[in-house]
Structures are given as C-alpha cells and as structure tokens.
C-alpha cells in the first residue's frame, strides 16, 4: 500500500553494527521488497557528515560496518566515528582516538 501511495519509502535504523548491504540481505531474506537506497542508517548519516565536512575519520566501528565508508579517506585522521564495536574499545585504540 505504501508503494502505491505518493510518499517516499525509507527504512531507518540506528544500528552501527552492520553495513547497508548486510541489512538489505537480511530484510530481503525476510521478504521485504526493498532497495539499498531506501535504507538510511546512522552510518549513512555519519558518512554524509564526513563528506560535507571533508574530514578523515578514525573509524571505531564494527568491521561489518566498514563497507559503508568505502572511499572515505582515513589517513592522518582529524575526526573520530564511534559505533558499537566493543572489540575496538581498548587502550591502544582509545589512545589513538584521543590523539
């Protein structure tokens, strides 16, 4: 019914644990008729902000979320993106983030 209505359809989530591609696979596997461009995540918002501000992030995100940042420069970071990634929250990484 939504598809036939004069509205834009988006699937919105605040997950930072998986990429849009992984979400798409999971949702289509559940029977949703959805395209990747219809998914908006907090990682999407973070990427948009990084591009607008022209910054190079240190990505403290789960490895499964990294594909959503393909093409974003991360050399000599001047910003930090934090997501749910307990395996990356250790002294060495936190020290890098604070520097």
N, C-alpha and C. Protein backbone atom coordinates (compact mmCIF):
# COMPACT_ATOMS: atom_id res chain seq x y z
N UNK A 1 0.81 -1.19 0.00
CA UNK A 1 0.00 0.00 0.00
C UNK A 1 0.86 1.25 0.00
N UNK A 2 1.93 1.24 0.77
CA UNK A 2 2.84 2.40 0.79
C UNK A 2 3.47 2.64 -0.58
N UNK A 3 3.81 1.57 -1.26
CA UNK A 3 4.44 1.71 -2.58
C UNK A 3 3.52 2.41 -3.57
N UNK A 4 2.23 2.25 -3.43
CA UNK A 4 1.30 2.88 -4.37
C UNK A 4 0.88 4.28 -3.91
N UNK A 5 1.25 4.66 -2.69
CA UNK A 5 0.92 6.00 -2.18
C UNK A 5 1.96 7.01 -2.67
N UNK A 6 1.59 8.28 -2.73
CA UNK A 6 2.53 9.31 -3.20
C UNK A 6 3.49 9.76 -2.08
N UNK A 7 4.20 8.80 -1.52
CA UNK A 7 5.17 9.10 -0.46
C UNK A 7 6.49 8.39 -0.76
N UNK A 8 7.56 8.91 -0.19
CA UNK A 8 8.85 8.26 -0.30
C UNK A 8 8.96 7.23 0.82
N UNK A 9 9.38 6.03 0.49
CA UNK A 9 9.53 4.96 1.48
C UNK A 9 11.00 4.85 1.87
N UNK A 10 11.26 4.85 3.17
CA UNK A 10 12.61 4.65 3.69
C UNK A 10 12.54 3.69 4.87
N UNK A 11 13.57 2.89 5.02
CA UNK A 11 13.73 2.02 6.16
C UNK A 11 14.86 2.62 6.98
N UNK A 12 14.56 3.04 8.19
CA UNK A 12 15.50 3.80 9.02
C UNK A 12 15.86 2.99 10.25
N UNK A 13 17.15 2.98 10.57
CA UNK A 13 17.63 2.27 11.76
C UNK A 13 18.82 3.02 12.36
N UNK A 14 19.03 2.82 13.64
CA UNK A 14 20.18 3.44 14.29
C UNK A 14 21.31 2.43 14.50
N UNK A 15 21.23 1.29 13.85
CA UNK A 15 22.28 0.29 14.03
C UNK A 15 23.61 0.78 13.45
N UNK A 16 24.68 0.43 14.15
CA UNK A 16 26.03 0.72 13.65
C UNK A 16 26.82 -0.57 13.53
N UNK A 17 26.14 -1.69 13.64
CA UNK A 17 26.80 -2.99 13.69
C UNK A 17 26.97 -3.65 12.34
N UNK A 18 26.21 -3.21 11.33
CA UNK A 18 26.31 -3.86 10.02
C UNK A 18 26.09 -2.85 8.91
N UNK A 19 26.60 -3.18 7.76
CA UNK A 19 26.51 -2.30 6.59
C UNK A 19 25.12 -2.33 5.98
N UNK A 20 24.84 -1.35 5.14
CA UNK A 20 23.57 -1.31 4.42
C UNK A 20 23.39 -2.57 3.57
N UNK A 21 24.46 -3.04 2.98
CA UNK A 21 24.40 -4.26 2.15
C UNK A 21 23.94 -5.45 2.99
N UNK A 22 24.49 -5.58 4.21
CA UNK A 22 24.09 -6.68 5.09
C UNK A 22 22.63 -6.53 5.53
N UNK A 23 22.23 -5.30 5.84
CA UNK A 23 20.84 -5.05 6.22
C UNK A 23 19.90 -5.39 5.07
N UNK A 24 20.30 -4.99 3.86
CA UNK A 24 19.49 -5.29 2.68
C UNK A 24 19.30 -6.80 2.52
N UNK A 25 20.36 -7.55 2.66
CA UNK A 25 20.28 -9.01 2.53
C UNK A 25 19.36 -9.60 3.60
N UNK A 26 19.47 -9.09 4.81
CA UNK A 26 18.62 -9.61 5.89
C UNK A 26 17.16 -9.27 5.65
N UNK A 27 16.88 -8.02 5.25
CA UNK A 27 15.49 -7.60 5.04
C UNK A 27 14.86 -8.30 3.83
N UNK A 28 15.61 -8.44 2.75
CA UNK A 28 15.04 -9.14 1.59
C UNK A 28 14.84 -10.62 1.92
N UNK A 29 15.73 -11.17 2.76
CA UNK A 29 15.56 -12.55 3.20
C UNK A 29 14.30 -12.75 4.03
N UNK A 30 13.85 -11.67 4.67
CA UNK A 30 12.61 -11.72 5.45
C UNK A 30 11.38 -11.44 4.59
N UNK A 31 11.62 -11.16 3.29
CA UNK A 31 10.51 -10.96 2.39
C UNK A 31 10.18 -9.51 2.06
N UNK A 32 10.99 -8.57 2.53
CA UNK A 32 10.74 -7.16 2.22
C UNK A 32 11.15 -6.86 0.79
N UNK A 33 10.33 -6.11 0.09
CA UNK A 33 10.65 -5.62 -1.25
C UNK A 33 11.30 -4.27 -1.06
N UNK A 34 12.64 -4.24 -1.06
CA UNK A 34 13.38 -3.05 -0.67
C UNK A 34 14.63 -2.92 -1.53
N UNK A 35 15.03 -1.69 -1.78
CA UNK A 35 16.28 -1.39 -2.50
C UNK A 35 17.26 -0.75 -1.52
N UNK A 36 18.54 -0.90 -1.79
CA UNK A 36 19.56 -0.38 -0.87
C UNK A 36 19.41 1.12 -0.63
N UNK A 37 19.05 1.88 -1.67
CA UNK A 37 18.93 3.34 -1.49
C UNK A 37 17.77 3.72 -0.58
N UNK A 38 16.90 2.77 -0.25
CA UNK A 38 15.78 3.04 0.65
C UNK A 38 16.15 2.84 2.12
N UNK A 39 17.36 2.39 2.38
CA UNK A 39 17.82 2.16 3.75
C UNK A 39 18.63 3.38 4.20
N UNK A 40 18.28 3.91 5.37
CA UNK A 40 19.03 5.03 5.95
C UNK A 40 19.41 4.63 7.37
N UNK A 41 20.72 4.62 7.64
CA UNK A 41 21.22 4.22 8.94
C UNK A 41 22.00 5.37 9.58
N UNK A 42 22.35 5.18 10.83
CA UNK A 42 23.20 6.17 11.48
C UNK A 42 24.57 6.22 10.81
N UNK A 43 25.00 5.11 10.21
CA UNK A 43 26.25 5.12 9.45
C UNK A 43 26.11 5.96 8.19
N UNK A 44 24.94 5.94 7.57
CA UNK A 44 24.67 6.78 6.41
C UNK A 44 24.79 8.24 6.82
N UNK A 45 24.20 8.60 7.95
CA UNK A 45 24.27 9.98 8.44
C UNK A 45 25.71 10.37 8.75
N UNK A 46 26.46 9.46 9.36
CA UNK A 46 27.86 9.74 9.68
C UNK A 46 28.67 9.95 8.40
N UNK A 47 28.47 9.10 7.42
CA UNK A 47 29.20 9.24 6.16
C UNK A 47 28.86 10.57 5.49
N UNK A 48 27.57 10.93 5.47
CA UNK A 48 27.16 12.20 4.87
C UNK A 48 27.86 13.37 5.56
N UNK A 49 27.94 13.34 6.88
CA UNK A 49 28.59 14.41 7.62
C UNK A 49 30.09 14.46 7.32
N UNK A 50 30.73 13.30 7.26
CA UNK A 50 32.16 13.24 6.94
C UNK A 50 32.42 13.88 5.57
N UNK A 51 31.58 13.56 4.61
CA UNK A 51 31.74 14.11 3.26
C UNK A 51 31.49 15.61 3.23
N UNK A 52 30.48 16.07 3.95
CA UNK A 52 30.18 17.50 3.99
C UNK A 52 31.29 18.30 4.66
N UNK A 53 31.86 17.74 5.73
CA UNK A 53 32.89 18.44 6.49
C UNK A 53 34.31 18.22 5.95
N UNK A 54 34.45 17.31 4.99
CA UNK A 54 35.75 17.00 4.38
C UNK A 54 36.79 16.61 5.44
N UNK A 55 36.39 15.67 6.31
CA UNK A 55 37.31 15.20 7.35
C UNK A 55 37.70 13.75 7.08
N UNK A 56 38.78 13.35 7.74
CA UNK A 56 39.31 11.99 7.60
C UNK A 56 39.14 11.29 8.96
N UNK A 57 38.25 10.33 9.05
CA UNK A 57 37.94 9.75 10.35
C UNK A 57 38.83 8.57 10.75
N UNK A 58 38.96 8.43 12.04
CA UNK A 58 39.37 7.17 12.64
C UNK A 58 38.05 6.45 12.87
N UNK A 59 37.89 5.29 12.27
CA UNK A 59 36.62 4.57 12.33
C UNK A 59 36.63 3.55 13.46
N UNK A 60 35.94 3.87 14.56
CA UNK A 60 35.77 2.93 15.66
C UNK A 60 34.40 2.27 15.50
N UNK A 61 34.29 1.47 14.45
CA UNK A 61 33.05 0.78 14.13
C UNK A 61 33.34 -0.70 13.94
N UNK A 62 32.31 -1.50 13.99
CA UNK A 62 32.45 -2.93 13.75
C UNK A 62 32.98 -3.16 12.34
N UNK A 63 33.78 -4.17 12.16
CA UNK A 63 34.34 -4.47 10.84
C UNK A 63 33.26 -4.68 9.78
N UNK A 64 32.09 -5.19 10.19
CA UNK A 64 31.00 -5.40 9.23
C UNK A 64 30.38 -4.08 8.77
N UNK A 65 30.67 -2.99 9.46
CA UNK A 65 30.14 -1.68 9.08
C UNK A 65 31.07 -0.93 8.14
N UNK A 66 32.31 -1.36 8.02
CA UNK A 66 33.30 -0.65 7.21
C UNK A 66 32.93 -0.45 5.75
N UNK A 67 32.22 -1.39 5.10
CA UNK A 67 31.86 -1.15 3.70
C UNK A 67 31.07 0.15 3.47
N UNK A 68 30.36 0.62 4.48
CA UNK A 68 29.60 1.86 4.32
C UNK A 68 30.50 3.09 4.27
N UNK A 69 31.80 2.91 4.52
CA UNK A 69 32.75 4.02 4.48
C UNK A 69 33.77 3.88 3.35
N UNK A 70 33.50 2.98 2.42
CA UNK A 70 34.39 2.79 1.28
C UNK A 70 34.58 4.12 0.55
N UNK A 71 35.83 4.45 0.26
CA UNK A 71 36.12 5.68 -0.47
C UNK A 71 36.37 6.88 0.43
N UNK A 72 36.12 6.76 1.72
CA UNK A 72 36.38 7.85 2.66
C UNK A 72 37.84 7.73 3.11
N UNK A 73 38.60 8.80 2.96
CA UNK A 73 40.00 8.79 3.38
C UNK A 73 40.13 8.71 4.88
N UNK A 74 41.01 7.83 5.35
CA UNK A 74 41.22 7.67 6.78
C UNK A 74 42.67 7.88 7.19
N UNK A 75 43.52 8.30 6.23
CA UNK A 75 44.91 8.57 6.56
C UNK A 75 45.00 9.85 7.38
N UNK A 76 45.87 9.86 8.38
CA UNK A 76 46.07 11.04 9.22
C UNK A 76 44.72 11.60 9.70
N UNK A 77 43.96 10.82 10.47
CA UNK A 77 42.60 11.21 10.84
C UNK A 77 42.54 12.51 11.64
N UNK A 78 41.47 13.27 11.37
CA UNK A 78 41.21 14.50 12.12
C UNK A 78 39.78 14.50 12.68
N UNK A 79 39.18 13.32 12.75
CA UNK A 79 37.85 13.13 13.30
C UNK A 79 37.73 11.68 13.76
N UNK A 80 36.73 11.41 14.58
CA UNK A 80 36.50 10.05 15.08
C UNK A 80 35.03 9.70 14.90
N UNK A 81 34.76 8.52 14.35
CA UNK A 81 33.40 8.00 14.25
C UNK A 81 33.33 6.80 15.19
N UNK A 82 32.39 6.84 16.12
CA UNK A 82 32.24 5.78 17.11
C UNK A 82 30.93 5.05 16.89
N UNK A 83 31.01 3.75 16.78
CA UNK A 83 29.83 2.91 16.68
C UNK A 83 29.94 1.78 17.70
N UNK A 84 29.00 0.86 17.65
CA UNK A 84 29.03 -0.28 18.56
C UNK A 84 30.09 -1.25 18.06
N UNK A 85 31.24 -1.22 18.72
CA UNK A 85 32.36 -2.08 18.31
C UNK A 85 33.22 -2.41 19.52
N UNK A 86 32.72 -3.21 20.44
CA UNK A 86 33.45 -3.49 21.67
C UNK A 86 34.85 -4.04 21.45
N UNK A 87 35.05 -4.76 20.34
CA UNK A 87 36.38 -5.33 20.08
C UNK A 87 37.42 -4.26 19.78
N UNK A 88 36.97 -3.04 19.45
CA UNK A 88 37.90 -1.95 19.15
C UNK A 88 38.10 -0.99 20.32
N UNK A 89 37.37 -1.19 21.40
CA UNK A 89 37.49 -0.32 22.56
C UNK A 89 38.52 -0.90 23.52
N UNK A 90 39.77 -0.57 23.25
CA UNK A 90 40.87 -0.98 24.11
C UNK A 90 41.83 0.20 24.21
N UNK A 91 42.78 0.11 25.11
CA UNK A 91 43.65 1.24 25.42
C UNK A 91 44.32 1.82 24.18
N UNK A 92 44.90 0.98 23.35
CA UNK A 92 45.62 1.48 22.18
C UNK A 92 44.70 2.27 21.24
N UNK A 93 43.52 1.74 20.96
CA UNK A 93 42.60 2.42 20.05
C UNK A 93 42.04 3.70 20.67
N UNK A 94 41.71 3.65 21.94
CA UNK A 94 41.20 4.85 22.60
C UNK A 94 42.28 5.94 22.64
N UNK A 95 43.51 5.54 22.83
CA UNK A 95 44.62 6.49 22.82
C UNK A 95 44.74 7.15 21.44
N UNK A 96 44.62 6.36 20.37
CA UNK A 96 44.64 6.91 19.01
C UNK A 96 43.49 7.89 18.81
N UNK A 97 42.31 7.52 19.29
CA UNK A 97 41.14 8.39 19.12
C UNK A 97 41.33 9.72 19.84
N UNK A 98 41.84 9.69 21.04
CA UNK A 98 42.02 10.94 21.78
C UNK A 98 43.13 11.81 21.20
N UNK A 99 44.08 11.20 20.55
CA UNK A 99 45.15 11.99 19.91
C UNK A 99 44.63 12.66 18.66
